[in-house]
Full PDB file with SEQRES, HELIX, SHEET, SSBOND, CRYST1, ORIGX, SCALE, CONECT and MASTER records, all heavy atoms in Angstrom:
SEQRES   1 A   40  SER THR GLY LEU PRO THR LYS THR GLU GLN THR ASP LEU          
SEQRES   2 A   40  ARG GLN ALA LEU TYR GLY ARG ASN GLY GLU SER PRO ILE          
SEQRES   3 A   40  VAL VAL MET ALA ALA ALA THR PRO THR ASP CYS PHE ASP          
SEQRES   4 A   40  MET                                                          
HELIX    1 AA1 LEU A   13  TYR A   18  1                                   6    
HELIX    2 AA2 ASP A   36  ASP A   39  1                                   4    
CRYST1    1.000    1.000    1.000  90.00  90.00  90.00 P 1           1          
ORIGX1      1.000000  0.000000  0.000000        0.00000                         
ORIGX2      0.000000  1.000000  0.000000        0.00000                         
ORIGX3      0.000000  0.000000  1.000000        0.00000                         
SCALE1      1.000000  0.000000  0.000000        0.00000                         
SCALE2      0.000000  1.000000  0.000000        0.00000                         
SCALE3      0.000000  0.000000  1.000000        0.00000                         
ATOM      1  N   SER A   1       6.521 -11.735   5.029  1.00  0.00           N  
ATOM      2  CA  SER A   1       6.601 -12.928   4.273  1.00  0.00           C  
ATOM      3  C   SER A   1       5.207 -13.419   3.908  1.00  0.00           C  
ATOM      4  O   SER A   1       4.292 -12.638   3.640  1.00  0.00           O  
ATOM      5  CB  SER A   1       7.396 -14.009   5.044  1.00  0.00           C  
ATOM      6  OG  SER A   1       7.587 -15.170   4.249  1.00  0.00           O  
ATOM      7  N   THR A   2       4.938 -14.733   3.969  1.00  0.00           N  
ATOM      8  CA  THR A   2       3.624 -15.267   3.619  1.00  0.00           C  
ATOM      9  C   THR A   2       2.608 -14.797   4.664  1.00  0.00           C  
ATOM     10  O   THR A   2       1.441 -14.597   4.339  1.00  0.00           O  
ATOM     11  CB  THR A   2       3.667 -16.802   3.564  1.00  0.00           C  
ATOM     12  OG1 THR A   2       4.771 -17.158   2.745  1.00  0.00           O  
ATOM     13  CG2 THR A   2       2.400 -17.312   2.952  1.00  0.00           C  
ATOM     14  N   GLY A   3       3.027 -14.704   5.944  1.00  0.00           N  
ATOM     15  CA  GLY A   3       2.211 -14.057   6.957  1.00  0.00           C  
ATOM     16  C   GLY A   3       0.818 -14.653   7.091  1.00  0.00           C  
ATOM     17  O   GLY A   3       0.638 -15.843   7.289  1.00  0.00           O  
ATOM     18  N   LEU A   4      -0.186 -13.743   6.989  1.00  0.00           N  
ATOM     19  CA  LEU A   4      -1.594 -14.123   7.083  1.00  0.00           C  
ATOM     20  C   LEU A   4      -2.253 -13.781   5.780  1.00  0.00           C  
ATOM     21  O   LEU A   4      -2.804 -12.711   5.582  1.00  0.00           O  
ATOM     22  CB  LEU A   4      -2.275 -13.330   8.214  1.00  0.00           C  
ATOM     23  CG  LEU A   4      -1.667 -13.468   9.650  1.00  0.00           C  
ATOM     24  CD1 LEU A   4      -2.308 -12.482  10.593  1.00  0.00           C  
ATOM     25  CD2 LEU A   4      -1.873 -14.920  10.156  1.00  0.00           C  
ATOM     26  N   PRO A   5      -2.258 -14.705   4.816  1.00  0.00           N  
ATOM     27  CA  PRO A   5      -2.681 -14.351   3.445  1.00  0.00           C  
ATOM     28  C   PRO A   5      -4.148 -13.863   3.343  1.00  0.00           C  
ATOM     29  O   PRO A   5      -4.459 -13.075   2.460  1.00  0.00           O  
ATOM     30  CB  PRO A   5      -2.517 -15.660   2.687  1.00  0.00           C  
ATOM     31  CG  PRO A   5      -1.536 -16.480   3.505  1.00  0.00           C  
ATOM     32  CD  PRO A   5      -1.796 -16.086   4.925  1.00  0.00           C  
ATOM     33  N   THR A   6      -5.025 -14.310   4.216  1.00  0.00           N  
ATOM     34  CA  THR A   6      -6.435 -13.943   4.089  1.00  0.00           C  
ATOM     35  C   THR A   6      -6.819 -12.884   5.088  1.00  0.00           C  
ATOM     36  O   THR A   6      -8.031 -12.565   5.175  1.00  0.00           O  
ATOM     37  CB  THR A   6      -7.330 -15.186   4.313  1.00  0.00           C  
ATOM     38  OG1 THR A   6      -7.125 -15.677   5.622  1.00  0.00           O  
ATOM     39  CG2 THR A   6      -6.970 -16.280   3.313  1.00  0.00           C  
ATOM     40  N   LYS A   7      -5.885 -12.333   5.819  1.00  0.00           N  
ATOM     41  CA  LYS A   7      -6.234 -11.338   6.823  1.00  0.00           C  
ATOM     42  C   LYS A   7      -5.779  -9.951   6.416  1.00  0.00           C  
ATOM     43  O   LYS A   7      -5.013  -9.784   5.444  1.00  0.00           O  
ATOM     44  CB  LYS A   7      -5.638 -11.733   8.152  1.00  0.00           C  
ATOM     45  CG  LYS A   7      -5.968 -13.147   8.638  1.00  0.00           C  
ATOM     46  CD  LYS A   7      -7.443 -13.366   8.751  1.00  0.00           C  
ATOM     47  CE  LYS A   7      -7.739 -14.806   9.182  1.00  0.00           C  
ATOM     48  NZ  LYS A   7      -9.195 -15.095   9.217  1.00  0.00           N  
ATOM     49  N   THR A   8      -6.222  -8.932   7.095  1.00  0.00           N  
ATOM     50  CA  THR A   8      -5.992  -7.529   6.667  1.00  0.00           C  
ATOM     51  C   THR A   8      -5.028  -6.801   7.576  1.00  0.00           C  
ATOM     52  O   THR A   8      -4.958  -7.018   8.782  1.00  0.00           O  
ATOM     53  CB  THR A   8      -7.354  -6.828   6.612  1.00  0.00           C  
ATOM     54  OG1 THR A   8      -7.194  -5.550   5.913  1.00  0.00           O  
ATOM     55  CG2 THR A   8      -7.885  -6.534   7.992  1.00  0.00           C  
ATOM     56  N   GLU A   9      -4.253  -5.939   6.933  1.00  0.00           N  
ATOM     57  CA  GLU A   9      -3.317  -5.019   7.697  1.00  0.00           C  
ATOM     58  C   GLU A   9      -3.065  -3.771   6.850  1.00  0.00           C  
ATOM     59  O   GLU A   9      -3.529  -3.668   5.705  1.00  0.00           O  
ATOM     60  CB  GLU A   9      -1.961  -5.729   7.966  1.00  0.00           C  
ATOM     61  CG  GLU A   9      -1.937  -6.721   9.068  1.00  0.00           C  
ATOM     62  CD  GLU A   9      -0.594  -7.321   9.303  1.00  0.00           C  
ATOM     63  OE1 GLU A   9       0.389  -6.837   8.777  1.00  0.00           O  
ATOM     64  OE2 GLU A   9      -0.514  -8.297  10.082  1.00  0.00           O  
ATOM     65  N   GLN A  10      -2.364  -2.861   7.433  1.00  0.00           N  
ATOM     66  CA  GLN A  10      -1.905  -1.593   6.727  1.00  0.00           C  
ATOM     67  C   GLN A  10      -0.404  -1.512   6.844  1.00  0.00           C  
ATOM     68  O   GLN A  10       0.140  -0.396   7.110  1.00  0.00           O  
ATOM     69  CB  GLN A  10      -2.587  -0.360   7.341  1.00  0.00           C  
ATOM     70  CG  GLN A  10      -4.059  -0.300   7.095  1.00  0.00           C  
ATOM     71  CD  GLN A  10      -4.629   0.977   7.709  1.00  0.00           C  
ATOM     72  OE1 GLN A  10      -4.508   1.284   8.862  1.00  0.00           O  
ATOM     73  NE2 GLN A  10      -5.284   1.796   6.835  1.00  0.00           N  
ATOM     74  N   THR A  11       0.289  -2.598   6.669  1.00  0.00           N  
ATOM     75  CA  THR A  11       1.720  -2.686   6.974  1.00  0.00           C  
ATOM     76  C   THR A  11       2.639  -2.471   5.782  1.00  0.00           C  
ATOM     77  O   THR A  11       3.798  -2.572   5.922  1.00  0.00           O  
ATOM     78  CB  THR A  11       2.036  -3.992   7.661  1.00  0.00           C  
ATOM     79  OG1 THR A  11       1.381  -5.024   6.920  1.00  0.00           O  
ATOM     80  CG2 THR A  11       1.495  -3.986   9.088  1.00  0.00           C  
ATOM     81  N   ASP A  12       2.098  -2.123   4.603  1.00  0.00           N  
ATOM     82  CA  ASP A  12       2.893  -1.952   3.427  1.00  0.00           C  
ATOM     83  C   ASP A  12       3.154  -0.465   3.120  1.00  0.00           C  
ATOM     84  O   ASP A  12       3.764  -0.155   2.073  1.00  0.00           O  
ATOM     85  CB  ASP A  12       2.204  -2.580   2.174  1.00  0.00           C  
ATOM     86  CG  ASP A  12       2.167  -4.093   2.280  1.00  0.00           C  
ATOM     87  OD1 ASP A  12       2.832  -4.655   3.129  1.00  0.00           O  
ATOM     88  OD2 ASP A  12       1.450  -4.677   1.450  1.00  0.00           O  
ATOM     89  N   LEU A  13       2.761   0.439   4.010  1.00  0.00           N  
ATOM     90  CA  LEU A  13       2.835   1.861   3.693  1.00  0.00           C  
ATOM     91  C   LEU A  13       4.329   2.241   3.475  1.00  0.00           C  
ATOM     92  O   LEU A  13       4.643   2.923   2.440  1.00  0.00           O  
ATOM     93  CB  LEU A  13       2.237   2.714   4.816  1.00  0.00           C  
ATOM     94  CG  LEU A  13       2.325   4.217   4.631  1.00  0.00           C  
ATOM     95  CD1 LEU A  13       1.665   4.656   3.334  1.00  0.00           C  
ATOM     96  CD2 LEU A  13       1.775   4.962   5.813  1.00  0.00           C  
ATOM     97  N   ARG A  14       5.207   1.922   4.368  1.00  0.00           N  
ATOM     98  CA  ARG A  14       6.597   2.313   4.241  1.00  0.00           C  
ATOM     99  C   ARG A  14       7.238   1.681   3.019  1.00  0.00           C  
ATOM    100  O   ARG A  14       8.061   2.283   2.345  1.00  0.00           O  
ATOM    101  CB  ARG A  14       7.393   1.944   5.465  1.00  0.00           C  
ATOM    102  CG  ARG A  14       7.089   2.827   6.694  1.00  0.00           C  
ATOM    103  CD  ARG A  14       7.890   4.115   6.611  1.00  0.00           C  
ATOM    104  NE  ARG A  14       7.587   5.064   7.673  1.00  0.00           N  
ATOM    105  CZ  ARG A  14       8.221   6.206   7.869  1.00  0.00           C  
ATOM    106  NH1 ARG A  14       9.224   6.541   7.055  1.00  0.00           N  
ATOM    107  NH2 ARG A  14       7.885   7.034   8.834  1.00  0.00           N  
ATOM    108  N   GLN A  15       6.844   0.445   2.722  1.00  0.00           N  
ATOM    109  CA  GLN A  15       7.361  -0.181   1.482  1.00  0.00           C  
ATOM    110  C   GLN A  15       6.906   0.574   0.263  1.00  0.00           C  
ATOM    111  O   GLN A  15       7.706   0.780  -0.670  1.00  0.00           O  
ATOM    112  CB  GLN A  15       6.860  -1.645   1.419  1.00  0.00           C  
ATOM    113  CG  GLN A  15       7.369  -2.381   0.197  1.00  0.00           C  
ATOM    114  CD  GLN A  15       6.889  -3.825   0.096  1.00  0.00           C  
ATOM    115  OE1 GLN A  15       7.541  -4.601  -0.596  1.00  0.00           O  
ATOM    116  NE2 GLN A  15       5.847  -4.200   0.772  1.00  0.00           N  
ATOM    117  N   ALA A  16       5.645   0.984   0.247  1.00  0.00           N  
ATOM    118  CA  ALA A  16       5.131   1.748  -0.877  1.00  0.00           C  
ATOM    119  C   ALA A  16       5.862   3.113  -1.033  1.00  0.00           C  
ATOM    120  O   ALA A  16       6.206   3.544  -2.170  1.00  0.00           O  
ATOM    121  CB  ALA A  16       3.637   2.030  -0.742  1.00  0.00           C  
ATOM    122  N   LEU A  17       6.130   3.791   0.072  1.00  0.00           N  
ATOM    123  CA  LEU A  17       6.744   5.060   0.063  1.00  0.00           C  
ATOM    124  C   LEU A  17       8.242   4.990  -0.301  1.00  0.00           C  
ATOM    125  O   LEU A  17       8.763   5.834  -1.050  1.00  0.00           O  
ATOM    126  CB  LEU A  17       6.570   5.738   1.421  1.00  0.00           C  
ATOM    127  CG  LEU A  17       5.213   6.254   1.758  1.00  0.00           C  
ATOM    128  CD1 LEU A  17       5.099   6.589   3.234  1.00  0.00           C  
ATOM    129  CD2 LEU A  17       4.808   7.454   0.904  1.00  0.00           C  
ATOM    130  N   TYR A  18       8.924   4.001   0.277  1.00  0.00           N  
ATOM    131  CA  TYR A  18      10.405   4.016   0.212  1.00  0.00           C  
ATOM    132  C   TYR A  18      11.044   2.699  -0.298  1.00  0.00           C  
ATOM    133  O   TYR A  18      12.267   2.617  -0.331  1.00  0.00           O  
ATOM    134  CB  TYR A  18      10.995   4.348   1.577  1.00  0.00           C  
ATOM    135  CG  TYR A  18      10.453   5.656   2.194  1.00  0.00           C  
ATOM    136  CD1 TYR A  18       9.753   5.618   3.379  1.00  0.00           C  
ATOM    137  CD2 TYR A  18      10.637   6.857   1.529  1.00  0.00           C  
ATOM    138  CE1 TYR A  18       9.233   6.757   3.912  1.00  0.00           C  
ATOM    139  CE2 TYR A  18      10.162   8.027   2.086  1.00  0.00           C  
ATOM    140  CZ  TYR A  18       9.495   8.008   3.280  1.00  0.00           C  
ATOM    141  OH  TYR A  18       9.016   9.122   3.826  1.00  0.00           O  
ATOM    142  N   GLY A  19      10.243   1.739  -0.680  1.00  0.00           N  
ATOM    143  CA  GLY A  19      10.817   0.418  -0.950  1.00  0.00           C  
ATOM    144  C   GLY A  19      11.442   0.272  -2.271  1.00  0.00           C  
ATOM    145  O   GLY A  19      11.187  -0.720  -3.049  1.00  0.00           O  
ATOM    146  N   ARG A  20      12.370   1.174  -2.619  1.00  0.00           N  
ATOM    147  CA  ARG A  20      13.127   1.126  -3.847  1.00  0.00           C  
ATOM    148  C   ARG A  20      14.522   1.630  -3.608  1.00  0.00           C  
ATOM    149  O   ARG A  20      14.722   2.418  -2.711  1.00  0.00           O  
ATOM    150  CB  ARG A  20      12.421   1.917  -4.993  1.00  0.00           C  
ATOM    151  CG  ARG A  20      11.073   1.340  -5.369  1.00  0.00           C  
ATOM    152  CD  ARG A  20      10.241   2.357  -6.137  1.00  0.00           C  
ATOM    153  NE  ARG A  20       9.932   3.531  -5.333  1.00  0.00           N  
ATOM    154  CZ  ARG A  20       9.039   3.556  -4.358  1.00  0.00           C  
ATOM    155  NH1 ARG A  20       8.320   2.463  -4.059  1.00  0.00           N  
ATOM    156  NH2 ARG A  20       8.790   4.673  -3.689  1.00  0.00           N  
ATOM    157  N   ASN A  21      15.463   1.277  -4.443  1.00  0.00           N  
ATOM    158  CA  ASN A  21      16.823   1.810  -4.247  1.00  0.00           C  
ATOM    159  C   ASN A  21      16.914   3.242  -4.803  1.00  0.00           C  
ATOM    160  O   ASN A  21      16.134   3.640  -5.724  1.00  0.00           O  
ATOM    161  CB  ASN A  21      17.850   0.944  -4.928  1.00  0.00           C  
ATOM    162  CG  ASN A  21      17.736   0.925  -6.404  1.00  0.00           C  
ATOM    163  OD1 ASN A  21      16.685   0.518  -6.960  1.00  0.00           O  
ATOM    164  ND2 ASN A  21      18.734   1.373  -7.114  1.00  0.00           N  
ATOM    165  N   GLY A  22      17.794   4.051  -4.240  1.00  0.00           N  
ATOM    166  CA  GLY A  22      17.989   5.393  -4.702  1.00  0.00           C  
ATOM    167  C   GLY A  22      16.862   6.312  -4.283  1.00  0.00           C  
ATOM    168  O   GLY A  22      15.897   5.902  -3.610  1.00  0.00           O  
ATOM    169  N   GLU A  23      17.004   7.616  -4.619  1.00  0.00           N  
ATOM    170  CA  GLU A  23      15.958   8.536  -4.390  1.00  0.00           C  
ATOM    171  C   GLU A  23      14.855   8.323  -5.460  1.00  0.00           C  
ATOM    172  O   GLU A  23      15.018   8.704  -6.585  1.00  0.00           O  
ATOM    173  CB  GLU A  23      16.498  10.002  -4.463  1.00  0.00           C  
ATOM    174  CG  GLU A  23      17.444  10.362  -3.341  1.00  0.00           C  
ATOM    175  CD  GLU A  23      16.705  10.473  -2.032  1.00  0.00           C  
ATOM    176  OE1 GLU A  23      15.483  10.653  -1.990  1.00  0.00           O  
ATOM    177  OE2 GLU A  23      17.365  10.319  -0.956  1.00  0.00           O  
ATOM    178  N   SER A  24      13.816   7.666  -5.001  1.00  0.00           N  
ATOM    179  CA  SER A  24      12.838   7.168  -5.948  1.00  0.00           C  
ATOM    180  C   SER A  24      11.418   7.559  -5.546  1.00  0.00           C  
ATOM    181  O   SER A  24      10.612   6.725  -5.116  1.00  0.00           O  
ATOM    182  CB  SER A  24      12.962   5.630  -6.014  1.00  0.00           C  
ATOM    183  OG  SER A  24      12.097   5.053  -7.001  1.00  0.00           O  
ATOM    184  N   PRO A  25      11.088   8.819  -5.654  1.00  0.00           N  
ATOM    185  CA  PRO A  25       9.788   9.323  -5.180  1.00  0.00           C  
ATOM    186  C   PRO A  25       8.656   8.779  -6.042  1.00  0.00           C  
ATOM    187  O   PRO A  25       8.790   8.618  -7.246  1.00  0.00           O  
ATOM    188  CB  PRO A  25       9.899  10.838  -5.308  1.00  0.00           C  
ATOM    189  CG  PRO A  25      10.891  11.050  -6.411  1.00  0.00           C  
ATOM    190  CD  PRO A  25      11.887   9.929  -6.276  1.00  0.00           C  
ATOM    191  N   ILE A  26       7.523   8.522  -5.378  1.00  0.00           N  
ATOM    192  CA  ILE A  26       6.411   7.947  -6.084  1.00  0.00           C  
ATOM    193  C   ILE A  26       5.116   8.395  -5.430  1.00  0.00           C  
ATOM    194  O   ILE A  26       5.059   8.750  -4.294  1.00  0.00           O  
ATOM    195  CB  ILE A  26       6.507   6.361  -6.027  1.00  0.00           C  
ATOM    196  CG1 ILE A  26       5.698   5.733  -7.141  1.00  0.00           C  
ATOM    197  CG2 ILE A  26       6.091   5.845  -4.675  1.00  0.00           C  
ATOM    198  CD1 ILE A  26       6.040   4.252  -7.341  1.00  0.00           C  
ATOM    199  N   VAL A  27       4.030   8.437  -6.229  1.00  0.00           N  
ATOM    200  CA  VAL A  27       2.720   8.806  -5.688  1.00  0.00           C  
ATOM    201  C   VAL A  27       2.145   7.636  -4.965  1.00  0.00           C  
ATOM    202  O   VAL A  27       2.192   6.471  -5.434  1.00  0.00           O  
ATOM    203  CB  VAL A  27       1.791   9.275  -6.874  1.00  0.00           C  
ATOM    204  CG1 VAL A  27       0.412   9.601  -6.316  1.00  0.00           C  
ATOM    205  CG2 VAL A  27       2.375  10.494  -7.550  1.00  0.00           C  
ATOM    206  N   VAL A  28       1.606   7.853  -3.780  1.00  0.00           N  
ATOM    207  CA  VAL A  28       0.976   6.790  -2.973  1.00  0.00           C  
ATOM    208  C   VAL A  28      -0.365   7.270  -2.550  1.00  0.00           C  
ATOM    209  O   VAL A  28      -0.528   8.353  -2.039  1.00  0.00           O  
ATOM    210  CB  VAL A  28       1.827   6.409  -1.731  1.00  0.00           C  
ATOM    211  CG1 VAL A  28       1.111   5.336  -0.925  1.00  0.00           C  
ATOM    212  CG2 VAL A  28       3.189   5.917  -2.152  1.00  0.00           C  
ATOM    213  N   MET A  29      -1.378   6.415  -2.813  1.00  0.00           N  
ATOM    214  CA  MET A  29      -2.761   6.717  -2.430  1.00  0.00           C  
ATOM    215  C   MET A  29      -3.341   5.516  -1.677  1.00  0.00           C  
ATOM    216  O   MET A  29      -2.780   4.446  -1.677  1.00  0.00           O  
ATOM    217  CB  MET A  29      -3.676   6.952  -3.667  1.00  0.00           C  
ATOM    218  CG  MET A  29      -3.147   7.974  -4.636  1.00  0.00           C  
ATOM    219  SD  MET A  29      -4.278   8.056  -6.054  1.00  0.00           S  
ATOM    220  CE  MET A  29      -3.542   9.354  -6.930  1.00  0.00           C  
ATOM    221  N   ALA A  30      -4.531   5.693  -1.045  1.00  0.00           N  
ATOM    222  CA  ALA A  30      -5.164   4.604  -0.325  1.00  0.00           C  
ATOM    223  C   ALA A  30      -6.672   4.776  -0.408  1.00  0.00           C  
ATOM    224  O   ALA A  30      -7.199   5.869  -0.164  1.00  0.00           O  
ATOM    225  CB  ALA A  30      -4.693   4.598   1.120  1.00  0.00           C  
ATOM    226  N   ALA A  31      -7.339   3.679  -0.740  1.00  0.00           N  
ATOM    227  CA  ALA A  31      -8.810   3.724  -0.793  1.00  0.00           C  
ATOM    228  C   ALA A  31      -9.395   3.492   0.610  1.00  0.00           C  
ATOM    229  O   ALA A  31      -8.797   2.839   1.455  1.00  0.00           O  
ATOM    230  CB  ALA A  31      -9.319   2.581  -1.705  1.00  0.00           C  
ATOM    231  N   ALA A  32     -10.542   4.148   0.871  1.00  0.00           N  
ATOM    232  CA  ALA A  32     -11.115   4.147   2.185  1.00  0.00           C  
ATOM    233  C   ALA A  32     -12.220   3.135   2.453  1.00  0.00           C  
ATOM    234  O   ALA A  32     -12.404   2.670   3.574  1.00  0.00           O  
ATOM    235  CB  ALA A  32     -11.648   5.547   2.493  1.00  0.00           C  
ATOM    236  N   THR A  33     -12.960   2.763   1.417  1.00  0.00           N  
ATOM    237  CA  THR A  33     -14.128   1.840   1.505  1.00  0.00           C  
ATOM    238  C   THR A  33     -14.099   0.966   0.309  1.00  0.00           C  
ATOM    239  O   THR A  33     -13.450   1.260  -0.761  1.00  0.00           O  
ATOM    240  CB  THR A  33     -15.405   2.619   1.643  1.00  0.00           C  
ATOM    241  OG1 THR A  33     -15.708   3.258   0.393  1.00  0.00           O  
ATOM    242  CG2 THR A  33     -15.375   3.605   2.769  1.00  0.00           C  
ATOM    243  N   PRO A  34     -14.923  -0.119   0.289  1.00  0.00           N  
ATOM    244  CA  PRO A  34     -15.034  -0.927  -0.935  1.00  0.00           C  
ATOM    245  C   PRO A  34     -15.443  -0.102  -2.150  1.00  0.00           C  
ATOM    246  O   PRO A  34     -14.833  -0.229  -3.242  1.00  0.00           O  
ATOM    247  CB  PRO A  34     -16.082  -1.953  -0.555  1.00  0.00           C  
ATOM    248  CG  PRO A  34     -15.962  -2.120   0.938  1.00  0.00           C  
ATOM    249  CD  PRO A  34     -15.636  -0.745   1.418  1.00  0.00           C  
ATOM    250  N   THR A  35     -16.417   0.749  -2.062  1.00  0.00           N  
ATOM    251  CA  THR A  35     -16.871   1.534  -3.224  1.00  0.00           C  
ATOM    252  C   THR A  35     -15.887   2.677  -3.561  1.00  0.00           C  
ATOM    253  O   THR A  35     -15.781   3.076  -4.692  1.00  0.00           O  
ATOM    254  CB  THR A  35     -18.275   2.105  -2.971  1.00  0.00           C  
ATOM    255  OG1 THR A  35     -18.264   2.904  -1.778  1.00  0.00           O  
ATOM    256  CG2 THR A  35     -19.267   1.006  -2.798  1.00  0.00           C  
ATOM    257  N   ASP A  36     -15.144   3.159  -2.555  1.00  0.00           N  
ATOM    258  CA  ASP A  36     -14.135   4.156  -2.797  1.00  0.00           C  
ATOM    259  C   ASP A  36     -13.007   3.636  -3.653  1.00  0.00           C  
ATOM    260  O   ASP A  36     -12.261   4.418  -4.292  1.00  0.00           O  
ATOM    261  CB  ASP A  36     -13.581   4.751  -1.473  1.00  0.00           C  
ATOM    262  CG  ASP A  36     -12.656   5.896  -1.699  1.00  0.00           C  
ATOM    263  OD1 ASP A  36     -13.000   6.849  -2.419  1.00  0.00           O  
ATOM    264  OD2 ASP A  36     -11.565   5.870  -1.103  1.00  0.00           O  
ATOM    265  N   CYS A  37     -12.858   2.291  -3.714  1.00  0.00           N  
ATOM    266  CA  CYS A  37     -11.796   1.725  -4.574  1.00  0.00           C  
ATOM    267  C   CYS A  37     -12.016   2.109  -6.026  1.00  0.00           C  
ATOM    268  O   CYS A  37     -11.058   2.282  -6.780  1.00  0.00           O  
ATOM    269  CB  CYS A  37     -11.832   0.201  -4.452  1.00  0.00           C  
ATOM    270  SG  CYS A  37     -11.196  -0.428  -2.855  1.00  0.00           S  
ATOM    271  N   PHE A  38     -13.303   2.331  -6.444  1.00  0.00           N  
ATOM    272  CA  PHE A  38     -13.544   2.764  -7.818  1.00  0.00           C  
ATOM    273  C   PHE A  38     -12.941   4.159  -7.990  1.00  0.00           C  
ATOM    274  O   PHE A  38     -12.189   4.419  -8.949  1.00  0.00           O  
ATOM    275  CB  PHE A  38     -15.064   2.797  -8.067  1.00  0.00           C  
ATOM    276  CG  PHE A  38     -15.434   3.374  -9.417  1.00  0.00           C  
ATOM    277  CD1 PHE A  38     -15.491   2.533 -10.530  1.00  0.00           C  
ATOM    278  CD2 PHE A  38     -15.660   4.715  -9.583  1.00  0.00           C  
ATOM    279  CE1 PHE A  38     -15.850   3.035 -11.777  1.00  0.00           C  
ATOM    280  CE2 PHE A  38     -15.981   5.271 -10.840  1.00  0.00           C  
ATOM    281  CZ  PHE A  38     -16.089   4.403 -11.928  1.00  0.00           C  
ATOM    282  N   ASP A  39     -13.296   5.080  -7.123  1.00  0.00           N  
ATOM    283  CA  ASP A  39     -12.798   6.464  -7.243  1.00  0.00           C  
ATOM    284  C   ASP A  39     -11.295   6.542  -7.211  1.00  0.00           C  
ATOM    285  O   ASP A  39     -10.659   7.318  -7.977  1.00  0.00           O  
ATOM    286  CB  ASP A  39     -13.386   7.341  -6.174  1.00  0.00           C  
ATOM    287  CG  ASP A  39     -14.881   7.655  -6.404  1.00  0.00           C  
ATOM    288  OD1 ASP A  39     -15.414   7.222  -7.456  1.00  0.00           O  
ATOM    289  OD2 ASP A  39     -15.482   8.339  -5.579  1.00  0.00           O  
ATOM    290  N   MET A  40     -10.735   5.788  -6.290  1.00  0.00           N  
ATOM    291  CA  MET A  40      -9.252   5.905  -6.136  1.00  0.00           C  
ATOM    292  C   MET A  40      -8.486   5.211  -7.274  1.00  0.00           C  
ATOM    293  O   MET A  40      -7.393   5.676  -7.648  1.00  0.00           O  
ATOM    294  CB  MET A  40      -8.819   5.329  -4.765  1.00  0.00           C  
ATOM    295  CG  MET A  40      -9.369   6.150  -3.572  1.00  0.00           C  
ATOM    296  SD  MET A  40      -9.011   7.907  -3.718  1.00  0.00           S  
ATOM    297  CE  MET A  40      -7.248   7.975  -3.418  1.00  0.00           C  
TER     298      MET A  40                                                      
MASTER        0    0    0    2    0    0    0    6  297    1    0    4          
END                                                                             
């Protein structure tokens, strides 16, 4: 839910992978550092 809006976690992975109805495959990536966000 609203949780901790200004704090950090990695808790959306399963939602990104499977959070849709039906067999709905999707590409999922993750950036490693602030500057890596550009590359990713």
